[in-house]
């Protein structure tokens, strides 16, 4: 899985047939035209947008007007990009302004987001309204690729210098705030996020590293934010159902029929939201994560492992199981130290939670041998964090480590690497103190 390996977007271990990822392929921006007259009564009807079938001039295809002036879509996309890049704007205010624009014209709004991703990738191309209306996602991405300087390996996410130092954090914050701002309405509008994710999925499969890296980061953080919202919706649904049951169990003379009907309506709506969120999460997981967690670029693999850790912690009911934990276990064997390190850090945040231990039993027995081998990792940082992980396993589990397995850590107190020796010393100290207490 190093840089010399050929690029692959296939995963022979996972079948996508019949999966919810098909939703992402069929529910795209074209749905706007087919559903304009059938909007749900509980949702705001947005103004319809008609696309032109006229051919484009070269200037128009690059987002330029007849005199070379930039179009409105380019200007607004620049506003989002500059707000994130400079770090001087309050992103919450920027997103609120964008939401107002989206509610006025949702196709213009989604174009802003798409071009924001394009600019974050370092591409000079622009997706115009006409391109968005007439072309399929694959054609749009192909057009953008021709506008990209593929000879350059430098793009915002990997650029050096003070102005780019916090760019990654800014992009992640923007995505998180975007989902939070849409969690009560637009997250379920069957257009915004389905269209956005569909294009991101295509970009994440691009041969251009800048597109692949940038779109994967955005999509993974998008997933983390949706997972967080899904956990909240699940909690709200459980609470609403309990309230409804309590009301129904009251004596007939104290029972409020209107209140019961209101709670039942709220509960049904929350269940619909759960299904919508589940569809989005499945689309991202099977459309992006399954392919990119083993990408040839180590930074992309590390991003996948980092965000997977968020999903496992934020929504353990859905993700903290062997079906998802296995990916973290597999990547403990990665050839790049940065990826192995991210996996160990992800596991530390899981084992520190006592409530998670029972869910981690199968994972512990399956990958403990590999974790024990990593105390001798050629990368000192990986070895140090692995010893810390083993201490957590020792403290949090009743039979997580045998005496023989603990003994393998003790000699590291004599390691020449100071951090490793200190970590092994703490492991030995806690082991001895635990023995004395017994």
Protein backbone atom coordinates (compact mmCIF):
# COMPACT_ATOMS: atom_id res chain seq x y z
CA UNK A 1 0.00 0.00 0.00
CA UNK A 2 2.95 2.30 -0.58
CA UNK A 3 3.40 4.95 -3.20
CA UNK A 4 4.69 2.45 -5.75
CA UNK A 5 1.49 0.42 -5.77
CA UNK A 6 -0.88 0.95 -8.70
CA UNK A 7 -3.95 2.98 -8.02
CA UNK A 8 -6.98 0.87 -7.24
CA UNK A 9 -10.58 1.83 -6.59
CA UNK A 10 -11.89 -1.71 -6.23
CA UNK A 11 -12.40 -3.71 -3.05
CA UNK A 12 -12.89 -7.37 -3.75
CA UNK A 13 -13.79 -8.04 -0.10
CA UNK A 14 -16.92 -5.91 -0.15
CA UNK A 15 -19.92 -6.26 -2.41
CA UNK A 16 -21.89 -3.16 -3.28
CA UNK A 17 -24.66 -5.03 -5.08
CA UNK A 18 -28.03 -4.02 -3.73
CA UNK A 19 -26.46 -1.65 -1.23
CA UNK A 20 -27.74 1.75 -0.24
CA UNK A 21 -24.91 3.22 -2.29
CA UNK A 22 -27.20 2.81 -5.28
CA UNK A 23 -29.18 5.65 -3.72
CA UNK A 24 -26.21 7.96 -4.30
CA UNK A 25 -25.95 6.95 -7.92
CA UNK A 26 -29.62 7.48 -8.70
CA UNK A 27 -30.51 10.38 -6.40
CA UNK A 28 -28.44 13.14 -7.93
CA UNK A 29 -28.88 16.69 -9.01
CA UNK A 30 -31.09 15.55 -11.88
CA UNK A 31 -33.78 14.79 -9.31
CA UNK A 32 -34.44 18.52 -9.13
CA UNK A 33 -36.18 18.51 -12.50
CA UNK A 34 -38.20 15.35 -11.84
CA UNK A 35 -39.58 16.44 -8.47
CA UNK A 36 -40.30 20.13 -8.91
CA UNK A 37 -44.04 19.55 -8.98
CA UNK A 38 -44.15 16.96 -6.21
CA UNK A 39 -42.51 18.62 -3.24
CA UNK A 40 -43.42 17.30 0.19
CA UNK A 41 -46.01 19.53 1.87
CA UNK A 42 -43.92 19.78 5.03
CA UNK A 43 -40.95 21.13 3.09
CA UNK A 44 -40.46 24.52 1.56
CA UNK A 45 -40.94 24.52 -2.19
CA UNK A 46 -37.84 26.02 -3.78
CA UNK A 47 -37.87 27.94 -7.03
CA UNK A 48 -37.40 25.76 -10.06
CA UNK A 49 -34.35 26.10 -12.25
CA UNK A 50 -34.39 25.48 -15.97
CA UNK A 51 -31.17 24.54 -17.72
CA UNK A 52 -30.16 25.72 -21.16
CA UNK A 53 -29.16 23.29 -23.89
CA UNK A 54 -27.18 25.84 -25.87
CA UNK A 55 -23.54 25.08 -26.57
CA UNK A 56 -20.91 26.79 -24.47
CA UNK A 57 -18.11 29.01 -25.59
CA UNK A 58 -14.64 28.16 -24.22
CA UNK A 59 -14.88 31.15 -21.90
CA UNK A 60 -18.29 30.07 -20.58
CA UNK A 61 -17.08 26.51 -20.00
CA UNK A 62 -14.42 27.93 -17.66
CA UNK A 63 -17.00 29.99 -15.79
CA UNK A 64 -16.21 33.23 -17.61
CA UNK A 65 -18.66 35.66 -19.12
CA UNK A 66 -18.46 36.99 -22.69
CA UNK A 67 -15.91 39.63 -21.66
CA UNK A 68 -13.83 37.34 -19.46
CA UNK A 69 -15.53 38.43 -16.24
CA UNK A 70 -16.10 35.79 -13.61
CA UNK A 71 -19.62 34.53 -13.11
CA UNK A 72 -21.62 34.90 -9.92
CA UNK A 73 -21.03 31.24 -9.08
CA UNK A 74 -17.29 31.81 -9.18
CA UNK A 75 -17.49 34.91 -7.00
CA UNK A 76 -19.60 33.28 -4.29
CA UNK A 77 -17.42 30.15 -4.33
CA UNK A 78 -14.40 32.41 -3.86
CA UNK A 79 -16.15 33.91 -0.84
CA UNK A 80 -16.48 30.50 0.83
CA UNK A 81 -12.95 29.51 -0.08
CA UNK A 82 -11.38 32.77 1.06
CA UNK A 83 -13.31 32.65 4.33
CA UNK A 84 -11.82 29.25 5.09
CA UNK A 85 -8.35 30.00 3.74
CA UNK A 86 -7.87 33.30 5.54
CA UNK A 87 -9.41 32.17 8.80
CA UNK A 88 -10.47 35.75 9.45
CA UNK A 89 -14.19 35.28 8.86
CA UNK A 90 -16.69 33.80 11.29
CA UNK A 91 -17.59 30.59 9.49
CA UNK A 92 -20.96 30.37 11.22
CA UNK A 93 -21.95 33.70 9.69
CA UNK A 94 -20.60 32.63 6.30
CA UNK A 95 -22.69 29.46 6.41
CA UNK A 96 -25.80 31.35 7.52
CA UNK A 97 -25.40 33.64 4.49
CA UNK A 98 -24.94 30.64 2.23
CA UNK A 99 -28.06 28.98 3.64
CA UNK A 100 -30.10 32.07 2.78
CA UNK A 101 -28.73 31.95 -0.75
CA UNK A 102 -29.53 28.24 -1.04
CA UNK A 103 -33.12 28.75 0.07
CA UNK A 104 -33.52 31.39 -2.65
CA UNK A 105 -31.96 29.25 -5.39
CA UNK A 106 -30.90 25.76 -4.42
CA UNK A 107 -29.07 24.96 -7.65
CA UNK A 108 -26.99 28.11 -7.27
CA UNK A 109 -26.33 27.13 -3.67
CA UNK A 110 -25.11 23.64 -4.50
CA UNK A 111 -22.90 25.11 -7.22
CA UNK A 112 -21.23 27.28 -4.59
CA UNK A 113 -20.42 24.22 -2.52
CA UNK A 114 -19.14 22.25 -5.50
CA UNK A 115 -16.89 25.06 -6.66
CA UNK A 116 -15.69 25.51 -3.09
CA UNK A 117 -14.42 21.90 -3.18
CA UNK A 118 -12.86 22.50 -6.60
CA UNK A 119 -10.96 25.52 -5.31
CA UNK A 120 -9.90 23.70 -2.14
CA UNK A 121 -8.33 21.12 -4.47
CA UNK A 122 -6.24 23.82 -6.15
CA UNK A 123 -8.08 23.49 -9.47
CA UNK A 124 -8.70 26.62 -11.56
CA UNK A 125 -11.71 25.15 -13.34
CA UNK A 126 -15.30 26.05 -12.50
CA UNK A 127 -18.57 24.14 -12.62
CA UNK A 128 -21.10 26.43 -14.27
CA UNK A 129 -24.88 26.27 -13.98
CA UNK A 130 -25.19 25.01 -17.52
CA UNK A 131 -22.63 22.26 -16.92
CA UNK A 132 -24.47 21.25 -13.77
CA UNK A 133 -27.80 21.09 -15.62
CA UNK A 134 -26.61 19.29 -18.76
CA UNK A 135 -23.69 17.04 -17.81
CA UNK A 136 -23.39 13.91 -15.73
CA UNK A 137 -21.02 13.97 -12.76
CA UNK A 138 -18.41 11.90 -14.61
CA UNK A 139 -18.39 14.44 -17.46
CA UNK A 140 -18.07 17.35 -15.04
CA UNK A 141 -15.12 15.69 -13.32
CA UNK A 142 -13.50 14.93 -16.66
CA UNK A 143 -13.85 18.60 -17.63
CA UNK A 144 -12.31 19.72 -14.33
CA UNK A 145 -9.43 17.31 -14.77
CA UNK A 146 -8.49 18.95 -18.08
CA UNK A 147 -8.42 22.31 -16.26
CA UNK A 148 -6.10 20.98 -13.57
CA UNK A 149 -2.34 21.34 -13.63
CA UNK A 150 -1.51 17.68 -13.13
CA UNK A 151 2.23 18.39 -13.23
CA UNK A 152 1.97 20.09 -9.86
CA UNK A 153 1.90 17.97 -6.70
CA UNK A 154 1.22 21.04 -4.57
CA UNK A 155 -2.34 21.83 -3.53
CA UNK A 156 -3.81 23.63 -0.50
CA UNK A 157 -4.01 20.60 1.83
CA UNK A 158 -0.30 19.82 1.47
CA UNK A 159 1.02 23.36 0.97
CA UNK A 160 3.50 24.73 3.45
CA UNK A 161 3.68 28.18 4.98
CA UNK A 162 1.77 29.97 7.69
CA UNK A 163 -1.22 30.84 5.49
CA UNK A 164 -1.94 27.13 4.88
CA UNK A 165 -1.10 25.86 8.37
CA UNK A 166 -4.69 25.87 9.57
CA UNK A 167 -6.36 25.27 6.21
CA UNK A 168 -7.23 21.64 6.91
CA UNK A 169 -8.81 22.53 10.25
CA UNK A 170 -10.75 25.33 8.56
CA UNK A 171 -12.16 23.00 5.91
CA UNK A 172 -13.18 20.45 8.55
CA UNK A 173 -14.79 23.12 10.69
CA UNK A 174 -16.70 24.47 7.69
CA UNK A 175 -18.11 21.04 6.86
CA UNK A 176 -19.08 20.34 10.47
CA UNK A 177 -20.84 23.69 10.84
CA UNK A 178 -22.59 23.18 7.51
CA UNK A 179 -24.14 19.90 8.66
CA UNK A 180 -25.05 21.37 12.05
CA UNK A 181 -26.76 24.27 10.32
CA UNK A 182 -28.80 21.89 8.16
CA UNK A 183 -29.59 19.25 10.77
CA UNK A 184 -33.21 20.34 11.29
CA UNK A 185 -34.29 20.69 7.68
CA UNK A 186 -31.99 20.71 4.65
CA UNK A 187 -30.21 17.52 5.67
CA UNK A 188 -33.40 15.74 4.60
CA UNK A 189 -34.39 17.70 1.50
CA UNK A 190 -33.44 14.91 -0.97
CA UNK A 191 -31.33 17.29 -3.03
CA UNK A 192 -28.56 19.18 -1.26
CA UNK A 193 -26.53 16.45 0.39
CA UNK A 194 -27.42 13.69 -2.06
CA UNK A 195 -26.19 15.87 -4.94
CA UNK A 196 -23.13 17.07 -3.02
CA UNK A 197 -22.13 13.57 -1.92
CA UNK A 198 -22.66 12.16 -5.41
CA UNK A 199 -20.10 14.57 -6.88
CA UNK A 200 -17.70 14.14 -3.94
CA UNK A 201 -17.83 10.39 -4.49
CA UNK A 202 -16.78 10.85 -8.09
CA UNK A 203 -13.95 13.24 -7.16
CA UNK A 204 -12.74 10.81 -4.49
CA UNK A 205 -12.23 8.24 -7.26
CA UNK A 206 -10.23 10.63 -9.46
CA UNK A 207 -6.73 9.83 -10.69
CA UNK A 208 -5.74 13.37 -9.66
CA UNK A 209 -4.32 13.17 -6.16
CA UNK A 210 -5.46 16.69 -5.20
CA UNK A 211 -9.07 15.89 -6.05
CA UNK A 212 -8.92 12.52 -4.33
CA UNK A 213 -7.30 13.80 -1.14
CA UNK A 214 -9.42 16.92 -0.77
CA UNK A 215 -12.75 15.27 -1.55
CA UNK A 216 -11.98 12.31 0.73
CA UNK A 217 -11.18 14.63 3.64
CA UNK A 218 -14.40 16.60 3.08
CA UNK A 219 -16.51 13.47 2.63
CA UNK A 220 -15.07 11.77 5.72
CA UNK A 221 -15.70 14.84 7.87
CA UNK A 222 -19.17 15.12 6.33
CA UNK A 223 -19.77 11.53 7.40
CA UNK A 224 -18.55 12.26 10.94
CA UNK A 225 -20.93 15.19 11.24
CA UNK A 226 -23.87 13.18 9.89
CA UNK A 227 -23.03 10.33 12.29
CA UNK A 228 -23.19 12.80 15.17
CA UNK A 229 -26.58 14.10 14.01
CA UNK A 230 -27.83 10.53 13.56
CA UNK A 231 -26.92 9.74 17.18
CA UNK A 232 -28.90 12.80 18.32
CA UNK A 233 -31.91 11.85 16.20
CA UNK A 234 -31.84 8.32 17.61
CA UNK A 235 -31.80 9.70 21.16
CA UNK A 236 -34.67 12.07 20.33
CA UNK A 237 -36.70 9.22 18.82
CA UNK A 238 -36.24 7.08 21.93
CA UNK A 239 -37.24 9.95 24.21
CA UNK A 240 -40.28 10.80 22.08
CA UNK A 241 -41.43 7.18 22.09
CA UNK A 242 -41.10 7.00 25.89
CA UNK A 243 -43.11 10.19 26.31
CA UNK A 244 -45.78 8.85 24.02
CA UNK A 245 -45.98 5.58 25.95
CA UNK A 246 -46.17 7.44 29.26
CA UNK A 247 -49.03 9.55 27.95
CA UNK A 248 -50.87 6.48 26.67
CA UNK A 249 -50.48 4.74 30.05
CA UNK A 250 -52.17 7.56 31.93
CA UNK A 251 -55.75 7.05 33.15
CA UNK A 252 -58.33 7.87 30.49
CA UNK A 253 -59.49 11.04 32.28
CA UNK A 254 -55.91 12.43 32.33
CA UNK A 255 -54.88 11.27 28.88
CA UNK A 256 -54.31 14.03 26.31
CA UNK A 257 -55.31 12.70 22.88
CA UNK A 258 -53.90 15.74 21.08
CA UNK A 259 -50.59 15.31 22.88
CA UNK A 260 -50.45 11.64 21.91
CA UNK A 261 -51.12 12.45 18.26
CA UNK A 262 -48.44 15.14 18.33
CA UNK A 263 -45.88 12.77 19.85
CA UNK A 264 -46.75 10.01 17.40
CA UNK A 265 -46.33 12.43 14.50
CA UNK A 266 -42.97 13.59 15.84
CA UNK A 267 -41.85 10.01 16.31
CA UNK A 268 -42.77 9.06 12.73
CA UNK A 269 -40.87 12.07 11.41
CA UNK A 270 -37.81 11.16 13.47
CA UNK A 271 -37.92 7.62 12.08
CA UNK A 272 -38.00 9.09 8.56
CA UNK A 273 -35.00 11.23 9.44
CA UNK A 274 -33.19 8.18 10.76
CA UNK A 275 -33.75 6.39 7.47
CA UNK A 276 -32.59 9.40 5.44
CA UNK A 277 -29.41 9.70 7.52
CA UNK A 278 -28.77 5.97 7.31
CA UNK A 279 -28.99 6.17 3.54
CA UNK A 280 -26.51 9.07 3.41
CA UNK A 281 -24.08 7.29 5.75
CA UNK A 282 -24.25 4.04 3.82
CA UNK A 283 -23.67 5.92 0.58
CA UNK A 284 -20.53 7.61 1.93
CA UNK A 285 -19.20 4.48 3.61
CA UNK A 286 -19.62 2.21 0.62
CA UNK A 287 -18.97 4.83 -2.02
CA UNK A 288 -15.88 6.50 -0.54
CA UNK A 289 -14.48 4.90 2.61
CA UNK A 290 -14.43 1.32 1.26
CA UNK A 291 -12.21 2.46 -1.62
CA UNK A 292 -10.11 5.16 0.00
CA UNK A 293 -9.11 3.48 3.28
CA UNK A 294 -6.50 1.60 1.25
CA UNK A 295 -5.60 4.40 -1.17
CA UNK A 296 -1.98 4.53 -2.33
CA UNK A 297 -1.59 7.96 -0.65
CA UNK A 298 -0.88 7.48 3.09
CA UNK A 299 -2.46 10.82 4.05
CA UNK A 300 -5.76 9.64 2.58
CA UNK A 301 -5.58 6.34 4.44
CA UNK A 302 -4.82 8.18 7.67
CA UNK A 303 -7.81 10.50 7.17
CA UNK A 304 -10.07 7.48 6.80
CA UNK A 305 -8.78 5.91 10.02
CA UNK A 306 -9.05 9.19 11.94
CA UNK A 307 -12.65 9.79 10.95
CA UNK A 308 -13.56 6.15 11.45
CA UNK A 309 -12.55 6.69 15.08
CA UNK A 310 -15.08 9.52 15.32
CA UNK A 311 -17.87 7.29 13.97
CA UNK A 312 -17.02 4.54 16.43
CA UNK A 313 -17.14 6.93 19.39
CA UNK A 314 -20.05 9.13 18.35
CA UNK A 315 -22.46 6.37 17.36
CA UNK A 316 -21.32 3.10 18.96
CA UNK A 317 -24.73 1.51 18.54
CA UNK A 318 -24.30 1.59 14.76
CA UNK A 319 -20.52 1.45 14.26
CA UNK A 320 -18.77 -0.07 17.27
CA UNK A 321 -18.90 -3.61 15.97
CA UNK A 322 -16.55 -6.03 14.25
CA UNK A 323 -17.95 -5.11 10.83
CA UNK A 324 -16.39 -1.64 11.17
CA UNK A 325 -13.58 -2.26 13.68
CA UNK A 326 -11.94 -4.72 11.30
CA UNK A 327 -10.80 -1.88 9.05
CA UNK A 328 -8.81 -0.33 11.91
CA UNK A 329 -7.34 -3.75 12.69
CA UNK A 330 -6.33 -4.37 9.10
CA UNK A 331 -4.61 -0.99 8.84
CA UNK A 332 -2.41 -1.80 11.84
CA UNK A 333 -0.35 -3.63 9.20
CA UNK A 334 0.02 -0.55 6.97
CA UNK A 335 3.48 0.11 5.55
CA UNK A 336 3.39 3.80 6.50
CA UNK A 337 4.03 4.74 10.13
CA UNK A 338 1.60 7.68 10.01
CA UNK A 339 -1.29 5.34 9.20
CA UNK A 340 -0.32 2.80 11.87
CA UNK A 341 -0.01 5.62 14.39
CA UNK A 342 -3.48 6.95 13.56
CA UNK A 343 -4.95 3.48 14.06
CA UNK A 344 -3.33 3.18 17.49
CA UNK A 345 -4.56 6.64 18.51
CA UNK A 346 -8.06 5.73 17.34
CA UNK A 347 -7.99 2.58 19.46
CA UNK A 348 -6.75 4.48 22.53
CA UNK A 349 -9.85 6.68 22.42
CA UNK A 350 -12.02 3.56 22.34
CA UNK A 351 -10.36 1.55 25.10
CA UNK A 352 -10.40 4.51 27.47
CA UNK A 353 -14.22 4.24 27.55
CA UNK A 354 -15.31 1.54 30.00
CA UNK A 355 -18.72 1.26 28.31
CA UNK A 356 -17.04 0.21 25.06
CA UNK A 357 -14.98 -2.67 26.42
CA UNK A 358 -17.61 -5.37 25.97
CA UNK A 359 -18.01 -4.34 22.32
CA UNK A 360 -14.24 -4.56 21.83
CA UNK A 361 -13.76 -8.12 23.14
CA UNK A 362 -13.77 -9.80 19.71
CA UNK A 363 -11.48 -7.14 18.27
CA UNK A 364 -9.06 -7.52 21.21
CA UNK A 365 -8.76 -11.27 20.79
CA UNK A 366 -8.40 -10.98 17.03
CA UNK A 367 -5.79 -8.21 16.81
CA UNK A 368 -3.99 -8.37 20.17
CA UNK A 369 -1.09 -10.32 18.70
CA UNK A 370 -0.51 -7.65 16.08
CA UNK A 371 -0.71 -4.88 18.70
CA UNK A 372 1.88 -6.66 20.86
CA UNK A 373 4.24 -6.85 17.87
CA UNK A 374 3.96 -3.08 17.40
CA UNK A 375 5.78 -2.32 20.68
CA UNK A 376 8.89 -3.03 18.61
CA UNK A 377 7.74 -0.91 15.68
CA UNK A 378 10.56 0.71 13.74
CA UNK A 379 8.84 4.06 14.25
CA UNK A 380 9.35 5.18 17.84
CA UNK A 381 6.12 7.19 18.02
CA UNK A 382 4.10 4.14 16.99
CA UNK A 383 5.88 1.99 19.59
CA UNK A 384 5.28 4.56 22.36
CA UNK A 385 1.57 4.92 21.63
CA UNK A 386 1.20 1.14 21.33
CA UNK A 387 2.57 0.66 24.85
CA UNK A 388 0.07 3.26 26.07
CA UNK A 389 -2.69 1.34 24.28
CA UNK A 390 -1.64 -1.91 25.93
CA UNK A 391 -1.78 -0.21 29.32
CA UNK A 392 -5.37 0.81 28.62
CA UNK A 393 -6.23 -2.74 27.57
CA UNK A 394 -4.58 -4.04 30.74
CA UNK A 395 -6.46 -1.58 32.97
CA UNK A 396 -9.87 -1.78 31.32
CA UNK A 397 -10.19 -5.51 30.66
CA UNK A 398 -10.25 -8.40 33.11
CA UNK A 399 -8.33 -10.85 30.95
CA UNK A 400 -7.07 -8.59 28.18
CA UNK A 401 -3.37 -9.38 28.67
CA UNK A 402 -1.75 -12.46 30.12
CA UNK A 403 1.32 -12.28 32.37
CA UNK A 404 3.45 -13.55 29.52
CA UNK A 405 2.12 -10.81 27.22
CA UNK A 406 2.79 -8.16 29.88
CA UNK A 407 6.32 -9.46 30.31
CA UNK A 408 7.04 -8.64 26.67
CA UNK A 409 6.68 -4.94 27.52
CA UNK A 410 8.91 -4.84 30.62
CA UNK A 411 12.33 -4.91 28.84
CA UNK A 412 11.42 -1.68 27.05
CA UNK A 413 12.14 0.24 30.26
CA UNK A 414 15.78 -0.02 29.11
CA UNK A 415 15.04 1.35 25.63
CA UNK A 416 17.33 4.12 24.42
CA UNK A 417 14.31 6.11 23.24
CA UNK A 418 13.28 8.15 26.25
CA UNK A 419 9.57 8.28 25.42
CA UNK A 420 9.38 4.52 24.91
CA UNK A 421 11.23 3.83 28.14
CA UNK A 422 8.90 6.15 30.07
CA UNK A 423 5.78 4.53 28.57
CA UNK A 424 7.10 1.06 29.44
CA UNK A 425 7.95 2.30 32.94
CA UNK A 426 4.38 3.45 33.49
CA UNK A 427 3.10 0.11 32.19
CA UNK A 428 5.36 -1.76 34.62
CA UNK A 429 4.42 0.50 37.54
CA UNK A 430 0.68 0.06 37.03
CA UNK A 431 1.10 -3.69 36.62
CA UNK A 432 3.04 -3.97 39.89
CA UNK A 433 0.60 -1.74 41.78
CA UNK A 434 -2.33 -3.76 40.50
CA UNK A 435 -0.62 -6.98 41.66
CA UNK A 436 0.01 -5.50 45.13
CA UNK A 437 -3.66 -4.50 45.48
CA UNK A 438 -4.73 -8.03 44.69
